[in-house]
Amino acid sequence: RNGAVETTLRDIALSFHKQMKLQYTNLCFDRTANLSTILPGKDEEGFEVCSAEALNCKNADDALVEMAKQINESERDKSLFITSDTELQNRLVKVGVKVGSPRQWIKYASKDN
């Protein structure tokens, strides 16, 4: 099904965002033709979904690194980025944010917290 993976990831991330009472969550895809169908509703404050393509970045890696750089330096160690890409993990760690693997995050986020 077209967009099913994006929708599932959005639902897991949104549930985690609400359960953990996070101040801000951004789910970023490389590109998706389904962005308009997976955007959060108005009651989902602090939760965003974006496409690197729409941010004028050539890929989600570059978009995530730019997002990390825009976080206030004193807040970076409280910011978590999820990726299985080792090169991206290294780039993000250099910026000063925390990184985690998708497998660990999905397992944790899917539990009732």
Protein backbone atom coordinates (compact mmCIF):
# COMPACT_ATOMS: atom_id res chain seq x y z
CA ARG A 1 0.00 0.00 0.00
CA ASN A 2 1.26 3.40 -0.97
CA GLY A 3 2.26 5.38 2.12
CA ALA A 4 1.60 2.57 4.61
CA VAL A 5 5.17 2.56 5.95
CA GLU A 6 5.24 6.33 6.39
CA THR A 7 1.85 6.26 8.10
CA THR A 8 2.93 3.48 10.47
CA LEU A 9 6.15 5.29 11.40
CA ARG A 10 4.19 8.51 11.91
CA ASP A 11 1.71 6.73 14.19
CA ILE A 12 4.46 5.16 16.30
CA ALA A 13 6.36 8.45 16.56
CA LEU A 14 3.23 10.41 17.43
CA SER A 15 2.19 7.91 20.09
CA PHE A 16 5.68 8.06 21.61
CA HIS A 17 5.65 11.87 21.45
CA LYS A 18 2.38 11.99 23.40
CA GLN A 19 3.19 9.23 25.89
CA MET A 20 6.55 10.74 26.78
CA LYS A 21 5.12 14.29 26.80
CA LEU A 22 7.92 15.46 24.56
CA GLN A 23 8.21 19.14 23.80
CA TYR A 24 9.14 18.63 20.16
CA THR A 25 9.36 15.71 17.71
CA ASN A 26 10.18 15.84 14.01
CA LEU A 27 9.86 12.82 11.73
CA CYS A 28 11.87 13.42 8.55
CA PHE A 29 11.68 11.33 5.37
CA ASP A 30 14.08 11.54 2.41
CA ARG A 31 11.11 12.07 0.15
CA THR A 32 7.53 10.98 0.13
CA ALA A 33 4.68 11.56 -2.25
CA ASN A 34 2.35 11.09 0.72
CA LEU A 35 3.49 14.00 2.89
CA SER A 36 0.10 15.71 2.84
CA THR A 37 -1.63 12.54 4.07
CA ILE A 38 0.74 11.96 7.00
CA LEU A 39 1.01 15.48 8.35
CA PRO A 40 -0.05 15.81 12.00
CA GLY A 41 -3.36 17.39 12.97
CA LYS A 42 -3.79 20.64 14.85
CA ASP A 43 -4.11 18.85 18.20
CA GLU A 44 -0.66 17.33 17.81
CA GLU A 45 1.33 20.29 19.09
CA GLY A 46 5.10 19.96 18.93
CA PHE A 47 4.94 17.07 16.45
CA GLU A 48 6.05 17.64 12.87
CA VAL A 49 6.54 15.51 9.78
CA CYS A 50 8.74 16.74 6.96
CA SER A 51 10.43 15.69 3.78
CA ALA A 52 14.07 16.52 3.12
CA GLU A 53 13.08 17.16 -0.47
CA ALA A 54 10.63 19.85 0.66
CA LEU A 55 13.34 21.40 2.85
CA ASN A 56 15.55 21.83 -0.22
CA CYS A 57 18.05 19.29 1.07
CA LYS A 58 19.20 16.56 -1.23
CA ASN A 59 18.45 13.90 1.38
CA ALA A 60 17.19 13.35 4.91
CA ASP A 61 20.76 12.99 6.20
CA ASP A 62 21.61 16.57 5.24
CA ALA A 63 18.24 17.80 6.56
CA LEU A 64 18.78 16.08 9.93
CA VAL A 65 22.31 17.48 10.30
CA GLU A 66 21.00 20.97 9.53
CA MET A 67 18.18 20.51 12.06
CA ALA A 68 20.72 19.39 14.67
CA LYS A 69 22.88 22.44 14.01
CA GLN A 70 19.87 24.72 14.54
CA ILE A 71 19.25 23.37 18.05
CA ASN A 72 20.63 25.63 20.78
CA GLU A 73 24.00 24.20 21.84
CA SER A 74 22.88 23.87 25.47
CA GLU A 75 19.93 21.71 24.34
CA ARG A 76 21.73 19.42 21.90
CA ASP A 77 22.62 16.80 24.50
CA LYS A 78 18.87 16.47 25.21
CA SER A 79 18.07 15.83 21.53
CA LEU A 80 17.76 12.32 20.14
CA PHE A 81 18.06 11.44 16.45
CA ILE A 82 17.17 7.95 15.24
CA THR A 83 19.06 6.45 12.30
CA SER A 84 20.68 3.18 11.28
CA ASP A 85 23.13 5.00 9.02
CA THR A 86 26.56 4.89 10.70
CA GLU A 87 27.92 7.81 8.67
CA LEU A 88 24.92 9.95 9.64
CA GLN A 89 25.29 8.89 13.28
CA ASN A 90 28.89 10.12 13.19
CA ARG A 91 27.87 13.43 11.60
CA LEU A 92 25.18 13.95 14.23
CA VAL A 93 27.46 13.06 17.15
CA LYS A 94 29.94 15.67 15.89
CA VAL A 95 27.15 18.26 16.11
CA GLY A 96 26.56 17.21 19.73
CA VAL A 97 23.21 15.38 19.69
CA LYS A 98 22.43 11.85 20.86
CA VAL A 99 21.73 9.08 18.37
CA GLY A 100 19.86 5.78 18.58
CA SER A 101 19.05 2.89 16.28
CA PRO A 102 15.61 2.47 14.67
CA ARG A 103 15.29 -1.09 15.97
CA GLN A 104 15.80 -0.02 19.59
CA TRP A 105 13.58 3.02 19.20
CA ILE A 106 10.67 1.19 17.53
CA LYS A 107 10.84 -1.55 20.18
CA TYR A 108 10.84 1.04 22.97
CA ALA A 109 8.32 3.41 21.37
CA SER A 110 5.88 0.60 20.58
CA LYS A 111 5.69 -0.45 24.25
CA ASP A 112 3.13 1.06 26.56
CA ASN A 113 5.23 3.65 28.39
